[in-house]
Amino acid sequence: MPAHLELTRAWNSIKAELLLAVGKSTYEVWLSSLEVKDWDGSVLVLQGKPGTEKWVAARYEHVLRRCAESVMRTAVTIAFAGDPATIARDALDSAAHTHPEHPGERFNPRFTFDQFIIGDGNRMAHAAALAVAEAPGQTINPLFLHAPPGLGKTHLLHAIGNYITAFDPSTTVRYTTVEAFTNGFIAALNGKALERFKRLYRDVDVLLIDDVQFLASKAKTEEEFFHTFNALYDSGRQLVLTCDRLPSQLTGVEQRLRQRFEAGLVEHLTPPNMATRVAILRKRAALDHLTIDDNAVLELIAERVTDNVRSLEGALIRVVANHSLTGRPIDTTLTESVLDQIRPRTTGGVEVGGGSGPLTVARIQTVVAEAFGITTDDLCSQSRLASITWPRQLAIHLCRELTNASLQKVGEAFGGRNHATVLHACKRVQERITVNKEDAAELASLQASLAANNHDRSC
C-alpha cells in the first residue's frame, strides 16, 4: 500500500479516537479541521486553520498525542506545520518530560464505570473495582479478577484508571499487560536500563496488570514481577490483576506468587444472561449513535451470541457494517444473514448457513492476502509494516472467529507466532472496528467474501 494511503488510514483511525476522547462538540469546533501533513516514525506533523494552531497545541496536544500513540503503537511527538519555530518546539519540550518507553497512559475513554453494564455475572467484580478506584490501597489489595476472554476484565481495569485520573490526578496510575511488561523487561536487560524499568513500574500508586496467566514459564520475568508486586504491596500501594483462571490454576506460576494473588479479593466474572446481553447491545447502539427501530434485532443477536461481551458487540458491529455496505435495512432478515456467516447454527452437528463447512486457515489467508494485494508469505513474515500488520491481524482474527483451530494452531500458521500474539491481534482488531467504521466495513467485506467463496466452493 502506498505510504500516503497508509498515513491517511492511520489518521482516520486517530480522528475516530479523538472523537471518542473529547466528545462531538469539542471535536467539531477545534479538531475536525486538522489535517495530517507528515509522519517520520516519531513526529506527526499536523496543520489546522490559520491562527488556531497555537491554541490547539496548548490545549489538546496531550489528547492528540495519546490518541496517536494508541493507533501508531509507538511514542509520538505532535508538531504543527503552521508555526514550526514555536509550536513544534513546545511539543518537543512536552514530550521530553514523558517516559519514551511508556508514553503516557492510554486508558480507553469508552471503558468507564458508567458504560459498564452490570448483571448477575459481574455485579461483585464491578463493586470491588469501584471500591478500589474510590480508595486505592485502602480497602481491597490486591484485587484479582478472573474470567474467560471478553467478559469485561479489561474494561474494569481501564474504568479504574479513568476514574482515578478524573477525580484524583495526583495519584499515579499505570496500566500494562504481562506481554508488555515482559517485552519491557527484556529490552531493559539488553539495554542495561534495569533501574529505569524498575522505577517505571514501582514508582506508581496504582498498578493495573492484564493477563497474568502469561507469566507462566517465564522465570526471569516472573522473578522481576514478584519483586515489583512486593515493592508495591508492602508500601500499601494498589494492585489490580486480571487472569483467565483462578490463581490456584496457574500451575506454571510459582506458588509464592499464586499465594500473593490469593491474599486479597478474588472475583469471578461469568457470561451475561439474556437481559444483560440485550442491555449491553442497547448501550453500545446508543454510544455509536445507531438507530435500531426493531428491538427484535437486538434480541436475536443476544439469543445467538451468548459466550462473551466482545463477541456480542462484534456481532452488532457486523450487522451495522453490512447495512452500510449494502444499504439493506437493519432488520431480523439482515441480522439472520450476518449471524449465519459468523455464528452458524448447528443441527445434528451439521452447520446451518455456513456454506460447505468450516473455512480453513489457509483459505482465509489466501482471501485476505488477495484483498490487500499482498502474498500469504507476507502474512506469515516478521514484517511490522502497517500495510502488512493490519491484514495479518485481520486474518488472525478471522481464523479465530471462523475456524475451530486452537490459538496455538493459528499462531503456527502465521509464522510460528505464540498464543499471546494471536490474542493481541484479535484484541487490536476489536479495538479498531469499535472506533473506526472504515475498519469495521473492511472486516465485514472480508467476511462477505469468505462466505461467498465458501458457498461457491460448495456448488
Protein backbone atom coordinates (compact mmCIF):
# COMPACT_ATOMS: atom_id res chain seq x y z
CA MET A 1 0.00 0.00 0.00
CA PRO A 2 1.43 3.47 -0.87
CA ALA A 3 2.80 5.39 2.11
CA HIS A 4 0.33 8.28 1.74
CA LEU A 5 -2.65 5.90 1.79
CA GLU A 6 -1.25 4.16 4.86
CA LEU A 7 -0.84 7.53 6.62
CA THR A 8 -4.37 8.57 5.61
CA ARG A 9 -5.81 5.38 7.07
CA ALA A 10 -3.85 5.87 10.31
CA TRP A 11 -5.04 9.48 10.56
CA ASN A 12 -8.67 8.39 10.09
CA SER A 13 -8.22 5.97 12.99
CA ILE A 14 -6.67 8.74 15.12
CA LYS A 15 -9.61 11.05 14.35
CA ALA A 16 -12.04 8.34 15.45
CA GLU A 17 -10.14 8.05 18.74
CA LEU A 18 -10.19 11.84 19.17
CA LEU A 19 -13.96 12.00 18.67
CA LEU A 20 -14.43 9.44 21.44
CA ALA A 21 -11.95 11.16 23.74
CA VAL A 22 -13.18 14.78 23.60
CA GLY A 23 -16.81 14.48 22.51
CA LYS A 24 -18.61 15.61 19.37
CA SER A 25 -18.92 19.35 20.08
CA THR A 26 -15.27 19.92 21.05
CA TYR A 27 -14.08 17.74 18.19
CA GLU A 28 -16.11 19.60 15.57
CA VAL A 29 -15.08 23.06 16.80
CA TRP A 30 -11.35 22.53 17.31
CA LEU A 31 -10.11 19.23 15.90
CA SER A 32 -12.21 18.20 12.89
CA SER A 33 -10.39 20.61 10.55
CA LEU A 34 -6.92 19.26 11.39
CA GLU A 35 -5.07 17.62 8.52
CA VAL A 36 -2.05 15.35 8.65
CA LYS A 37 0.98 16.58 6.69
CA ASP A 38 3.83 14.26 7.57
CA TRP A 39 4.91 11.32 9.71
CA ASP A 40 8.55 10.27 10.06
CA GLY A 41 8.06 7.45 12.53
CA SER A 42 8.19 9.65 15.64
CA VAL A 43 6.86 13.15 14.80
CA LEU A 44 3.32 13.60 13.49
CA VAL A 45 3.01 16.94 11.69
CA LEU A 46 -0.50 18.43 11.60
CA GLN A 47 -2.00 21.54 10.04
CA GLY A 48 -5.03 23.42 11.29
CA LYS A 49 -6.93 26.58 10.46
CA PRO A 50 -4.72 29.70 10.36
CA GLY A 51 -4.48 31.32 13.78
CA THR A 52 -5.80 28.33 15.72
CA GLU A 53 -2.80 26.00 15.80
CA LYS A 54 -1.17 27.51 18.89
CA TRP A 55 -4.46 27.30 20.79
CA VAL A 56 -4.99 23.68 19.76
CA ALA A 57 -1.38 22.79 20.60
CA ALA A 58 -1.64 24.34 24.06
CA ARG A 59 -4.93 22.68 25.00
CA TYR A 60 -5.14 19.45 23.01
CA GLU A 61 -1.53 18.34 22.44
CA HIS A 62 -1.84 15.73 25.20
CA VAL A 63 -5.01 14.10 23.86
CA LEU A 64 -3.68 14.29 20.29
CA ARG A 65 -0.50 12.54 21.36
CA ARG A 66 -2.37 9.91 23.39
CA CYS A 67 -4.73 9.04 20.54
CA ALA A 68 -1.88 8.99 18.02
CA GLU A 69 0.14 6.65 20.23
CA SER A 70 -2.86 4.37 20.60
CA VAL A 71 -3.01 3.95 16.81
CA MET A 72 0.70 4.15 15.93
CA ARG A 73 1.77 1.88 18.81
CA THR A 74 4.89 3.97 19.44
CA ALA A 75 5.92 7.20 21.15
CA VAL A 76 4.63 10.17 19.16
CA THR A 77 5.54 13.86 19.20
CA ILE A 78 2.87 16.23 17.87
CA ALA A 79 4.06 19.17 15.75
CA PHE A 80 2.19 21.73 13.68
CA ALA A 81 3.14 22.84 10.18
CA GLY A 82 1.96 26.43 10.59
CA ASP A 83 4.46 27.59 13.20
CA PRO A 84 7.35 25.13 13.40
CA ALA A 85 9.61 27.54 15.23
CA THR A 86 7.41 27.75 18.30
CA ILE A 87 4.68 25.11 18.22
CA ALA A 88 6.89 22.16 17.33
CA ARG A 89 9.43 23.24 19.93
CA ASP A 90 6.73 23.38 22.62
CA ALA A 91 5.56 19.89 21.61
CA LEU A 92 9.11 18.53 21.81
CA ASP A 93 9.62 20.12 25.23
CA SER A 94 6.41 18.48 26.42
CA ALA A 95 7.48 15.10 25.05
CA ALA A 96 10.83 15.38 26.81
CA HIS A 97 9.05 15.16 30.17
CA THR A 98 7.42 11.82 29.37
CA HIS A 99 8.88 8.33 29.57
CA PRO A 100 9.82 7.40 25.99
CA GLU A 101 9.32 3.74 26.77
CA HIS A 102 5.93 4.39 28.33
CA PRO A 103 4.42 7.43 26.57
CA GLY A 104 1.51 8.30 28.80
CA GLU A 105 -1.36 6.15 29.98
CA ARG A 106 -3.74 5.04 27.25
CA PHE A 107 -6.95 4.37 29.12
CA ASN A 108 -9.77 3.68 26.69
CA PRO A 109 -12.20 6.60 27.13
CA ARG A 110 -15.15 4.28 26.47
CA PHE A 111 -14.19 1.91 29.26
CA THR A 112 -15.71 3.69 32.25
CA PHE A 113 -17.88 2.57 35.14
CA ASP A 114 -20.82 4.44 33.62
CA GLN A 115 -20.54 2.40 30.42
CA PHE A 116 -20.19 -0.94 32.20
CA ILE A 117 -23.46 -2.89 32.12
CA ILE A 118 -24.00 -4.60 35.47
CA GLY A 119 -25.61 -8.03 35.61
CA ASP A 120 -25.70 -11.01 37.91
CA GLY A 121 -22.45 -12.34 36.46
CA ASN A 122 -20.31 -9.27 37.15
CA ARG A 123 -22.01 -7.32 39.95
CA MET A 124 -19.45 -8.17 42.65
CA ALA A 125 -16.47 -7.58 40.35
CA HIS A 126 -17.85 -4.16 39.40
CA ALA A 127 -18.43 -3.22 43.05
CA ALA A 128 -14.92 -4.32 44.02
CA ALA A 129 -13.32 -2.37 41.14
CA LEU A 130 -15.28 0.76 42.06
CA ALA A 131 -14.22 0.42 45.71
CA VAL A 132 -10.59 0.21 44.61
CA ALA A 133 -10.95 3.28 42.39
CA GLU A 134 -12.51 5.31 45.21
CA ALA A 135 -9.89 4.34 47.81
CA PRO A 136 -6.75 2.87 46.22
CA GLY A 137 -4.72 0.70 48.57
CA GLN A 138 -7.15 1.12 51.47
CA THR A 139 -9.96 -1.41 51.07
CA ILE A 140 -9.07 -4.31 48.77
CA ASN A 141 -5.49 -5.18 47.89
CA PRO A 142 -4.74 -6.93 45.66
CA LEU A 143 -7.91 -7.29 43.59
CA PHE A 144 -7.77 -10.32 41.31
CA LEU A 145 -10.39 -10.57 38.54
CA HIS A 146 -10.66 -13.79 36.58
CA ALA A 147 -12.87 -14.86 33.67
CA PRO A 148 -12.63 -16.17 30.12
CA PRO A 149 -11.80 -13.54 27.47
CA GLY A 150 -14.40 -10.93 26.56
CA LEU A 151 -16.35 -10.64 29.80
CA GLY A 152 -15.21 -7.19 30.95
CA LYS A 153 -11.97 -7.65 32.89
CA THR A 154 -10.01 -5.15 30.80
CA HIS A 155 -13.00 -2.78 30.81
CA LEU A 156 -12.86 -2.69 34.61
CA LEU A 157 -9.10 -2.09 34.64
CA HIS A 158 -9.48 0.90 32.32
CA ALA A 159 -12.51 2.09 34.31
CA ILE A 160 -10.36 2.20 37.44
CA GLY A 161 -7.69 4.14 35.56
CA ASN A 162 -10.20 6.59 34.07
CA TYR A 163 -11.91 7.14 37.43
CA ILE A 164 -8.72 7.87 39.36
CA THR A 165 -7.32 10.07 36.59
CA ALA A 166 -10.52 12.13 36.56
CA PHE A 167 -11.08 12.51 40.30
CA ASP A 168 -7.56 12.34 41.75
CA PRO A 169 -4.98 13.37 39.11
CA SER A 170 -2.22 13.42 41.73
CA THR A 171 -2.45 9.62 42.00
CA THR A 172 -0.09 7.86 39.58
CA VAL A 173 -1.79 5.01 37.73
CA ARG A 174 -0.08 2.64 35.33
CA TYR A 175 -1.72 0.00 33.12
CA THR A 176 0.22 -2.81 31.48
CA THR A 177 -0.22 -6.27 30.10
CA VAL A 178 2.12 -9.07 31.10
CA GLU A 179 3.24 -9.21 27.48
CA ALA A 180 4.24 -5.52 27.57
CA PHE A 181 5.88 -5.98 30.98
CA THR A 182 7.88 -8.93 29.62
CA ASN A 183 8.97 -7.11 26.48
CA GLY A 184 9.98 -4.06 28.50
CA PHE A 185 11.95 -6.19 30.95
CA ILE A 186 13.83 -7.96 28.17
CA ALA A 187 14.61 -4.64 26.48
CA ALA A 188 15.83 -3.21 29.81
CA LEU A 189 18.14 -6.19 30.34
CA ASN A 190 19.57 -5.92 26.84
CA GLY A 191 19.93 -2.16 27.07
CA LYS A 192 21.32 -2.12 30.60
CA ALA A 193 18.42 0.03 31.76
CA LEU A 194 17.03 -2.18 34.51
CA GLU A 195 16.86 0.54 37.14
CA ARG A 196 14.87 2.74 34.81
CA PHE A 197 12.48 -0.16 34.15
CA LYS A 198 12.04 -0.75 37.88
CA ARG A 199 11.20 2.91 38.51
CA LEU A 200 8.65 2.80 35.70
CA TYR A 201 6.58 0.15 37.49
CA ARG A 202 7.46 0.66 41.14
CA ASP A 203 7.15 4.45 41.40
CA VAL A 204 3.37 4.36 40.98
CA ASP A 205 0.39 4.47 43.33
CA VAL A 206 -1.77 2.04 41.35
CA LEU A 207 -0.60 -0.75 39.04
CA LEU A 208 -3.17 -2.41 36.77
CA ILE A 209 -1.94 -5.66 35.22
CA ASP A 210 -3.77 -7.54 32.46
CA ASP A 211 -3.44 -11.26 31.57
CA VAL A 212 -1.17 -12.51 34.37
CA GLN A 213 -1.60 -16.08 33.07
CA PHE A 214 1.15 -15.27 30.56
CA LEU A 215 3.70 -15.17 33.38
CA ALA A 216 3.79 -18.95 33.19
CA SER A 217 7.17 -20.42 32.19
CA LYS A 218 8.90 -17.01 32.11
CA ALA A 219 11.28 -17.49 35.04
CA LYS A 220 13.23 -14.21 34.88
CA THR A 221 10.16 -12.09 34.15
CA GLU A 222 8.28 -13.82 36.95
CA GLU A 223 11.12 -13.08 39.37
CA GLU A 224 11.07 -9.38 38.45
CA PHE A 225 7.27 -9.29 38.66
CA PHE A 226 7.42 -10.90 42.11
CA HIS A 227 9.72 -8.17 43.42
CA THR A 228 7.61 -5.44 41.76
CA PHE A 229 4.48 -6.88 43.38
CA ASN A 230 6.17 -6.97 46.80
CA ALA A 231 7.55 -3.44 46.49
CA LEU A 232 4.09 -2.03 45.80
CA TYR A 233 2.13 -4.23 48.18
CA ASP A 234 4.50 -3.73 51.14
CA SER A 235 4.28 0.05 50.75
CA GLY A 236 0.46 -0.02 50.69
CA ARG A 237 0.02 0.78 47.03
CA GLN A 238 -2.78 -0.73 44.97
CA LEU A 239 -2.53 -3.72 42.64
CA VAL A 240 -5.31 -4.99 40.37
CA LEU A 241 -4.74 -8.08 38.26
CA THR A 242 -6.76 -9.94 35.64
CA CYS A 243 -6.45 -13.53 34.53
CA ASP A 244 -8.36 -16.16 32.58
CA ARG A 245 -8.35 -18.58 35.52
CA LEU A 246 -8.14 -18.82 39.32
CA PRO A 247 -4.77 -18.21 41.00
CA SER A 248 -4.70 -21.85 42.12
CA GLN A 249 -4.99 -22.95 38.48
CA LEU A 250 -1.86 -21.06 37.39
CA THR A 251 0.24 -24.19 37.51
CA GLY A 252 3.09 -22.63 35.53
CA VAL A 253 3.49 -19.79 38.04
CA GLU A 254 5.46 -20.15 41.28
CA GLN A 255 3.45 -20.89 44.40
CA ARG A 256 4.74 -17.83 46.26
CA LEU A 257 3.23 -15.57 43.60
CA ARG A 258 -0.03 -17.52 43.44
CA GLN A 259 -0.35 -17.11 47.20
CA ARG A 260 0.06 -13.35 46.89
CA PHE A 261 -2.65 -13.22 44.25
CA GLU A 262 -4.98 -15.02 46.66
CA ALA A 263 -4.12 -12.71 49.58
CA GLY A 264 -6.68 -10.11 48.55
CA LEU A 265 -10.09 -10.42 46.95
CA VAL A 266 -10.60 -12.88 44.07
CA GLU A 267 -13.69 -12.16 41.95
CA HIS A 268 -15.09 -14.15 39.04
CA LEU A 269 -17.00 -12.73 36.05
CA THR A 270 -19.44 -15.04 34.27
CA PRO A 271 -21.16 -14.69 30.86
CA PRO A 272 -24.11 -12.26 30.84
CA ASN A 273 -27.67 -13.55 30.85
CA MET A 274 -30.19 -12.71 28.14
CA ALA A 275 -31.47 -9.49 29.73
CA THR A 276 -27.94 -8.24 30.34
CA ARG A 277 -26.89 -9.06 26.77
CA VAL A 278 -29.77 -7.02 25.37
CA ALA A 279 -28.87 -4.12 27.71
CA ILE A 280 -25.24 -4.29 26.53
CA LEU A 281 -26.36 -4.07 22.90
CA ARG A 282 -28.66 -1.12 23.64
CA LYS A 283 -25.84 0.72 25.39
CA ARG A 284 -23.46 0.03 22.53
CA ALA A 285 -26.01 1.23 19.96
CA ALA A 286 -26.53 4.43 21.96
CA LEU A 287 -22.77 5.05 22.22
CA ASP A 288 -22.39 4.67 18.46
CA HIS A 289 -25.50 6.83 17.79
CA LEU A 290 -27.18 3.95 15.98
CA THR A 291 -30.92 3.96 15.43
CA ILE A 292 -32.30 0.43 15.59
CA ASP A 293 -36.07 0.62 15.47
CA ASP A 294 -36.71 -3.11 15.66
CA ASN A 295 -35.96 -4.38 19.16
CA ALA A 296 -36.15 -7.92 17.78
CA VAL A 297 -32.77 -7.29 16.10
CA LEU A 298 -31.04 -6.84 19.45
CA GLU A 299 -32.89 -9.79 20.95
CA LEU A 300 -31.90 -12.00 18.01
CA ILE A 301 -28.22 -11.13 18.42
CA ALA A 302 -28.43 -11.66 22.19
CA GLU A 303 -30.09 -15.03 21.65
CA ARG A 304 -27.46 -16.28 19.19
CA VAL A 305 -24.29 -14.82 20.75
CA THR A 306 -24.07 -15.92 24.36
CA ASP A 307 -20.44 -16.51 25.28
CA ASN A 308 -18.91 -13.06 25.82
CA VAL A 309 -19.42 -9.32 25.53
CA ARG A 310 -16.75 -8.84 22.88
CA SER A 311 -18.41 -11.28 20.50
CA LEU A 312 -21.81 -9.76 21.28
CA GLU A 313 -20.70 -6.23 20.37
CA GLY A 314 -18.76 -7.56 17.40
CA ALA A 315 -21.93 -9.15 16.01
CA LEU A 316 -23.78 -5.83 16.27
CA ILE A 317 -20.91 -4.02 14.53
CA ARG A 318 -21.00 -6.56 11.70
CA VAL A 319 -24.74 -6.12 11.22
CA VAL A 320 -24.34 -2.33 11.05
CA ALA A 321 -21.33 -2.60 8.72
CA ASN A 322 -23.27 -4.89 6.40
CA HIS A 323 -26.14 -2.40 6.41
CA SER A 324 -23.69 0.41 5.49
CA LEU A 325 -22.14 -1.60 2.67
CA THR A 326 -25.32 -2.98 1.13
CA GLY A 327 -27.96 -0.40 2.01
CA ARG A 328 -30.24 -3.13 3.37
CA PRO A 329 -32.38 -2.12 6.36
CA ILE A 330 -31.32 -3.27 9.82
CA ASP A 331 -33.98 -5.88 10.43
CA THR A 332 -34.17 -9.51 11.50
CA THR A 333 -33.62 -10.74 7.92
CA LEU A 334 -30.29 -8.93 7.61
CA THR A 335 -29.34 -9.91 11.14
CA GLU A 336 -30.07 -13.59 10.50
CA SER A 337 -27.94 -13.45 7.35
CA VAL A 338 -24.96 -11.91 9.15
CA LEU A 339 -25.25 -14.23 12.14
CA ASP A 340 -25.39 -17.27 9.86
CA GLN A 341 -22.00 -16.22 8.50
CA ILE A 342 -20.26 -15.68 11.81
CA ARG A 343 -22.23 -17.94 14.17
CA PRO A 344 -23.62 -20.84 12.10
CA ARG A 345 -26.40 -22.71 13.85
CA THR A 346 -25.90 -26.44 14.27
CA THR A 347 -28.41 -29.21 13.72
CA GLY A 348 -27.21 -32.70 14.47
CA GLY A 349 -23.62 -31.48 14.28
CA VAL A 350 -24.00 -30.06 10.75
CA GLU A 351 -23.54 -26.32 10.30
CA VAL A 352 -26.54 -24.36 9.03
CA GLY A 353 -25.97 -21.22 6.97
CA GLY A 354 -22.21 -21.73 6.83
CA GLY A 355 -21.69 -22.85 3.25
CA SER A 356 -19.94 -26.13 2.54
CA GLY A 357 -18.44 -26.35 6.02
CA PRO A 358 -15.87 -24.64 8.23
CA LEU A 359 -13.32 -22.49 6.44
CA THR A 360 -9.65 -23.38 6.67
CA VAL A 361 -6.88 -21.14 7.94
CA ALA A 362 -5.13 -21.43 4.57
CA ARG A 363 -8.24 -20.30 2.70
CA ILE A 364 -8.66 -17.27 4.96
CA GLN A 365 -5.02 -16.34 4.45
CA THR A 366 -5.45 -16.51 0.68
CA VAL A 367 -8.62 -14.37 0.62
CA VAL A 368 -7.15 -11.71 2.93
CA ALA A 369 -3.86 -11.58 1.01
CA GLU A 370 -5.69 -11.12 -2.29
CA ALA A 371 -7.91 -8.40 -0.82
CA PHE A 372 -4.89 -6.34 0.26
CA GLY A 373 -2.69 -7.07 -2.74
CA ILE A 374 -0.03 -8.90 -0.76
CA THR A 375 1.09 -12.54 -0.52
CA THR A 376 0.40 -15.21 2.07
CA ASP A 377 4.15 -15.22 2.70
CA ASP A 378 3.81 -11.56 3.76
CA LEU A 379 1.11 -12.54 6.26
CA CYS A 380 3.41 -15.16 7.77
CA SER A 381 6.53 -12.96 7.74
CA GLN A 382 8.01 -10.98 10.63
CA SER A 383 7.38 -7.66 8.85
CA ARG A 384 5.97 -4.90 11.06
CA LEU A 385 4.95 -2.59 8.22
CA ALA A 386 1.44 -1.29 8.80
CA SER A 387 0.48 -2.43 5.30
CA ILE A 388 1.29 -6.00 6.40
CA THR A 389 0.46 -5.87 10.13
CA TRP A 390 -3.20 -4.84 9.74
CA PRO A 391 -4.06 -7.52 7.13
CA ARG A 392 -2.23 -10.08 9.27
CA GLN A 393 -4.24 -9.08 12.35
CA LEU A 394 -7.47 -9.27 10.36
CA ALA A 395 -6.57 -12.72 9.03
CA ILE A 396 -5.70 -13.99 12.52
CA HIS A 397 -8.95 -12.58 13.89
CA LEU A 398 -10.97 -14.24 11.12
CA CYS A 399 -9.22 -17.57 11.73
CA ARG A 400 -10.12 -17.31 15.41
CA GLU A 401 -13.74 -16.43 14.65
CA LEU A 402 -14.45 -18.70 11.68
CA THR A 403 -12.40 -21.84 12.26
CA ASN A 404 -12.06 -24.39 15.02
CA ALA A 405 -8.27 -24.00 15.07
CA SER A 406 -6.72 -23.52 18.51
CA LEU A 407 -4.70 -20.42 19.39
CA GLN A 408 -1.55 -22.46 19.04
CA LYS A 409 -2.50 -23.77 15.59
CA VAL A 410 -3.43 -20.29 14.36
CA GLY A 411 -0.14 -18.90 15.63
CA GLU A 412 1.83 -21.68 13.97
CA ALA A 413 0.09 -20.98 10.66
CA PHE A 414 1.21 -17.34 10.81
CA GLY A 415 4.94 -17.87 11.01
CA GLY A 416 5.17 -19.66 14.33
CA ARG A 417 3.67 -16.89 16.48
CA ASN A 418 2.65 -17.70 20.05
CA HIS A 419 -0.84 -17.64 21.52
CA ALA A 420 -0.24 -14.26 23.19
CA THR A 421 0.42 -12.69 19.79
CA VAL A 422 -2.76 -14.26 18.41
CA LEU A 423 -4.79 -12.83 21.30
CA HIS A 424 -3.18 -9.42 20.83
CA ALA A 425 -4.09 -9.44 17.13
CA CYS A 426 -7.72 -10.27 17.91
CA LYS A 427 -7.84 -7.60 20.59
CA ARG A 428 -6.38 -4.99 18.24
CA VAL A 429 -8.98 -5.77 15.56
CA GLN A 430 -11.80 -5.41 18.09
CA GLU A 431 -10.38 -2.06 19.25
CA ARG A 432 -10.10 -0.69 15.71
CA ILE A 433 -13.52 -1.79 14.46
CA THR A 434 -15.02 -0.28 17.61
CA VAL A 435 -13.86 3.25 16.79
CA ASN A 436 -13.39 3.21 13.01
CA LYS A 437 -16.27 2.46 10.65
CA GLU A 438 -13.91 2.01 7.70
CA ASP A 439 -12.05 -0.75 9.52
CA ALA A 440 -15.37 -2.35 10.51
CA ALA A 441 -16.54 -2.21 6.89
CA GLU A 442 -13.25 -3.75 5.75
CA LEU A 443 -13.76 -6.66 8.14
CA ALA A 444 -17.37 -7.09 7.03
CA SER A 445 -16.28 -7.11 3.39
CA LEU A 446 -13.76 -9.88 4.08
CA GLN A 447 -16.40 -11.90 5.93
CA ALA A 448 -18.77 -11.49 3.00
CA SER A 449 -16.03 -12.58 0.57
CA LEU A 450 -15.24 -15.63 2.65
CA ALA A 451 -18.93 -16.56 2.93
CA ALA A 452 -19.45 -16.16 -0.82
CA ASN A 453 -16.26 -18.05 -1.59
CA ASN A 454 -17.25 -20.88 0.70
CA HIS A 455 -20.68 -21.05 -0.94
CA ASP A 456 -19.17 -21.11 -4.43
CA ARG A 457 -16.86 -23.96 -3.49
CA SER A 458 -19.86 -26.00 -2.33
CA CYS A 459 -21.75 -25.60 -5.65
